[in-house]
Amino acid sequence: MRTKLSDIQERVRKHPRWGYLATMLGETEIEQPTAGVNFQGLLLVNPELAGELSSAVLVKRVREEFKVALELRDGVRGFN
């Protein structure tokens, strides 16, 4: 059975504190579970690979990816 992006979003959505991040996921076929945040603010997720992670690890990776994106965005703003 193929894991879909909606399955991954549902797993993230179940987290009481970080569930809102589920609305900020987009699908990719890059060969890693999470592939960074794109210019639209969506975290790119490969559902097949992300589906193999536990829910706790998945939420942790999602949070870390958004944290890195925020740090990069703030760093770029400093060059103005």
N, C-alpha and C. Protein backbone atom coordinates (compact mmCIF):
# COMPACT_ATOMS: atom_id res chain seq x y z
N MET A 1 0.84 -1.19 0.00
CA MET A 1 0.00 0.00 0.00
C MET A 1 0.88 1.25 0.00
N ARG A 2 0.59 2.16 -0.86
CA ARG A 2 1.37 3.40 -1.00
C ARG A 2 0.93 4.41 0.06
N THR A 3 1.90 4.97 0.75
CA THR A 3 1.63 6.01 1.73
C THR A 3 1.39 7.32 0.99
N LYS A 4 0.34 8.04 1.36
CA LYS A 4 -0.02 9.29 0.72
C LYS A 4 0.33 10.47 1.63
N LEU A 5 0.42 11.64 1.04
CA LEU A 5 0.71 12.84 1.81
C LEU A 5 -0.36 13.07 2.87
N SER A 6 -1.61 12.76 2.56
CA SER A 6 -2.70 12.94 3.53
C SER A 6 -2.49 12.05 4.76
N ASP A 7 -1.90 10.87 4.58
CA ASP A 7 -1.59 9.99 5.71
C ASP A 7 -0.56 10.64 6.63
N ILE A 8 0.46 11.23 6.02
CA ILE A 8 1.51 11.89 6.80
C ILE A 8 0.93 13.11 7.51
N GLN A 9 0.12 13.88 6.80
CA GLN A 9 -0.50 15.05 7.42
C GLN A 9 -1.36 14.65 8.62
N GLU A 10 -2.08 13.56 8.51
CA GLU A 10 -2.93 13.10 9.61
C GLU A 10 -2.08 12.71 10.83
N ARG A 11 -0.96 12.07 10.59
CA ARG A 11 -0.08 11.70 11.71
C ARG A 11 0.47 12.93 12.42
N VAL A 12 0.86 13.94 11.66
CA VAL A 12 1.38 15.17 12.25
C VAL A 12 0.24 15.91 12.96
N ARG A 13 -0.92 15.94 12.36
CA ARG A 13 -2.08 16.65 12.90
C ARG A 13 -2.47 16.14 14.29
N LYS A 14 -2.19 14.89 14.58
CA LYS A 14 -2.55 14.30 15.87
C LYS A 14 -1.72 14.83 17.03
N HIS A 15 -0.59 15.46 16.73
CA HIS A 15 0.25 15.99 17.80
C HIS A 15 -0.44 17.22 18.39
N PRO A 16 -0.66 17.24 19.71
CA PRO A 16 -1.44 18.32 20.32
C PRO A 16 -0.84 19.71 20.16
N ARG A 17 0.46 19.82 20.19
CA ARG A 17 1.08 21.15 20.13
C ARG A 17 1.50 21.56 18.73
N TRP A 18 1.90 20.61 17.91
CA TRP A 18 2.47 20.93 16.61
C TRP A 18 1.60 20.49 15.44
N GLY A 19 0.38 20.09 15.70
CA GLY A 19 -0.51 19.59 14.66
C GLY A 19 -0.78 20.56 13.52
N TYR A 20 -0.73 21.85 13.81
CA TYR A 20 -0.99 22.85 12.76
C TYR A 20 0.03 22.77 11.63
N LEU A 21 1.20 22.21 11.89
CA LEU A 21 2.23 22.10 10.86
C LEU A 21 1.80 21.18 9.72
N ALA A 22 0.80 20.35 9.96
CA ALA A 22 0.32 19.43 8.93
C ALA A 22 -0.20 20.17 7.70
N THR A 23 -0.69 21.38 7.89
CA THR A 23 -1.22 22.16 6.77
C THR A 23 -0.11 22.75 5.92
N MET A 24 1.13 22.63 6.38
CA MET A 24 2.26 23.25 5.71
C MET A 24 3.18 22.22 5.05
N LEU A 25 2.61 21.08 4.67
CA LEU A 25 3.39 20.01 4.04
C LEU A 25 3.06 19.90 2.57
N GLY A 26 4.07 19.66 1.76
CA GLY A 26 3.89 19.42 0.33
C GLY A 26 4.62 18.14 -0.06
N GLU A 27 4.25 17.56 -1.16
CA GLU A 27 4.79 16.27 -1.57
C GLU A 27 5.95 16.42 -2.54
N THR A 28 6.95 15.55 -2.38
CA THR A 28 8.08 15.50 -3.29
C THR A 28 8.49 14.05 -3.49
N GLU A 29 9.31 13.81 -4.49
CA GLU A 29 9.84 12.46 -4.73
C GLU A 29 11.34 12.39 -4.45
N ILE A 30 11.88 13.42 -3.84
CA ILE A 30 13.29 13.43 -3.46
C ILE A 30 13.54 12.27 -2.51
N GLU A 31 14.68 11.62 -2.63
CA GLU A 31 14.97 10.40 -1.89
C GLU A 31 15.38 10.61 -0.43
N GLN A 32 14.59 11.37 0.31
CA GLN A 32 14.76 11.50 1.75
C GLN A 32 13.39 11.83 2.35
N PRO A 33 13.17 11.48 3.60
CA PRO A 33 11.84 11.67 4.20
C PRO A 33 11.37 13.13 4.17
N THR A 34 12.23 14.06 4.55
CA THR A 34 11.91 15.48 4.48
C THR A 34 13.02 16.17 3.70
N ALA A 35 12.62 17.14 2.88
CA ALA A 35 13.59 17.73 1.96
C ALA A 35 13.65 19.25 2.05
N GLY A 36 13.37 19.80 3.21
CA GLY A 36 13.48 21.24 3.39
C GLY A 36 12.22 21.99 3.02
N VAL A 37 12.22 23.26 3.34
CA VAL A 37 11.07 24.13 3.10
C VAL A 37 11.32 24.90 1.80
N ASN A 38 10.31 24.91 0.93
CA ASN A 38 10.47 25.61 -0.35
C ASN A 38 10.10 27.09 -0.21
N PHE A 39 10.18 27.82 -1.31
CA PHE A 39 9.93 29.26 -1.30
C PHE A 39 8.49 29.61 -0.93
N GLN A 40 7.57 28.66 -1.02
CA GLN A 40 6.18 28.89 -0.67
C GLN A 40 5.90 28.64 0.82
N GLY A 41 6.91 28.21 1.56
CA GLY A 41 6.73 27.92 2.96
C GLY A 41 6.20 26.52 3.24
N LEU A 42 6.28 25.64 2.25
CA LEU A 42 5.84 24.26 2.42
C LEU A 42 7.04 23.35 2.66
N LEU A 43 6.91 22.49 3.65
CA LEU A 43 7.94 21.48 3.89
C LEU A 43 7.71 20.34 2.92
N LEU A 44 8.70 20.03 2.11
CA LEU A 44 8.59 18.95 1.15
C LEU A 44 8.84 17.62 1.83
N VAL A 45 7.89 16.69 1.63
CA VAL A 45 7.92 15.39 2.29
C VAL A 45 7.76 14.31 1.24
N ASN A 46 8.58 13.28 1.31
CA ASN A 46 8.41 12.10 0.49
C ASN A 46 7.55 11.13 1.33
N PRO A 47 6.26 10.98 1.00
CA PRO A 47 5.37 10.18 1.85
C PRO A 47 5.82 8.74 2.05
N GLU A 48 6.40 8.14 1.02
CA GLU A 48 6.85 6.75 1.15
C GLU A 48 7.92 6.61 2.23
N LEU A 49 8.90 7.49 2.21
CA LEU A 49 9.99 7.41 3.18
C LEU A 49 9.57 7.94 4.54
N ALA A 50 8.78 9.00 4.57
CA ALA A 50 8.33 9.56 5.84
C ALA A 50 7.37 8.60 6.55
N GLY A 51 6.66 7.80 5.79
CA GLY A 51 5.74 6.82 6.36
C GLY A 51 6.44 5.75 7.17
N GLU A 52 7.73 5.56 6.94
CA GLU A 52 8.50 4.56 7.68
C GLU A 52 8.96 5.07 9.04
N LEU A 53 8.86 6.38 9.27
CA LEU A 53 9.29 6.97 10.54
C LEU A 53 8.17 6.86 11.58
N SER A 54 8.54 6.79 12.84
CA SER A 54 7.53 6.83 13.89
C SER A 54 6.93 8.23 13.93
N SER A 55 5.75 8.36 14.51
CA SER A 55 5.09 9.67 14.58
C SER A 55 5.94 10.69 15.33
N ALA A 56 6.56 10.25 16.42
CA ALA A 56 7.40 11.17 17.21
C ALA A 56 8.59 11.67 16.40
N VAL A 57 9.24 10.79 15.69
CA VAL A 57 10.39 11.17 14.86
C VAL A 57 9.93 12.05 13.71
N LEU A 58 8.80 11.74 13.13
CA LEU A 58 8.28 12.53 12.02
C LEU A 58 7.99 13.97 12.47
N VAL A 59 7.31 14.12 13.59
CA VAL A 59 7.00 15.47 14.09
C VAL A 59 8.30 16.21 14.43
N LYS A 60 9.26 15.50 15.01
CA LYS A 60 10.54 16.14 15.35
C LYS A 60 11.24 16.64 14.09
N ARG A 61 11.24 15.82 13.04
CA ARG A 61 11.88 16.23 11.78
C ARG A 61 11.18 17.42 11.15
N VAL A 62 9.85 17.41 11.19
CA VAL A 62 9.08 18.53 10.63
C VAL A 62 9.42 19.81 11.38
N ARG A 63 9.44 19.75 12.70
CA ARG A 63 9.77 20.93 13.50
C ARG A 63 11.18 21.42 13.21
N GLU A 64 12.14 20.50 13.11
CA GLU A 64 13.53 20.88 12.83
C GLU A 64 13.67 21.54 11.46
N GLU A 65 12.97 21.01 10.46
CA GLU A 65 13.05 21.60 9.11
C GLU A 65 12.53 23.03 9.11
N PHE A 66 11.42 23.27 9.80
CA PHE A 66 10.89 24.63 9.86
C PHE A 66 11.79 25.55 10.67
N LYS A 67 12.43 25.02 11.68
CA LYS A 67 13.38 25.80 12.48
C LYS A 67 14.56 26.24 11.61
N VAL A 68 15.10 25.33 10.83
CA VAL A 68 16.22 25.65 9.93
C VAL A 68 15.78 26.69 8.91
N ALA A 69 14.58 26.54 8.35
CA ALA A 69 14.09 27.50 7.36
C ALA A 69 13.97 28.90 7.97
N LEU A 70 13.50 28.98 9.21
CA LEU A 70 13.37 30.26 9.89
C LEU A 70 14.74 30.90 10.11
N GLU A 71 15.71 30.09 10.52
CA GLU A 71 17.07 30.60 10.74
C GLU A 71 17.67 31.10 9.43
N LEU A 72 17.45 30.39 8.34
CA LEU A 72 17.97 30.82 7.03
C LEU A 72 17.29 32.10 6.57
N ARG A 73 15.98 32.17 6.75
CA ARG A 73 15.25 33.37 6.34
C ARG A 73 15.71 34.58 7.14
N ASP A 74 15.88 34.42 8.45
CA ASP A 74 16.34 35.52 9.29
C ASP A 74 17.76 35.93 8.91
N GLY A 75 18.61 34.97 8.54
CA GLY A 75 19.97 35.27 8.12
C GLY A 75 20.00 36.06 6.83
N VAL A 76 19.12 35.73 5.90
CA VAL A 76 19.06 36.44 4.63
C VAL A 76 18.56 37.87 4.86
N ARG A 77 17.61 38.05 5.74
CA ARG A 77 17.10 39.39 6.04
C ARG A 77 18.20 40.29 6.59
N GLY A 78 19.19 39.70 7.27
CA GLY A 78 20.28 40.47 7.83
C GLY A 78 21.20 41.08 6.79
N PHE A 79 21.11 40.61 5.54
CA PHE A 79 21.97 41.12 4.47
C PHE A 79 21.38 42.33 3.76
N ASN A 80 20.23 42.80 4.15
CA ASN A 80 19.58 43.96 3.49
C ASN A 80 20.35 45.22 3.71
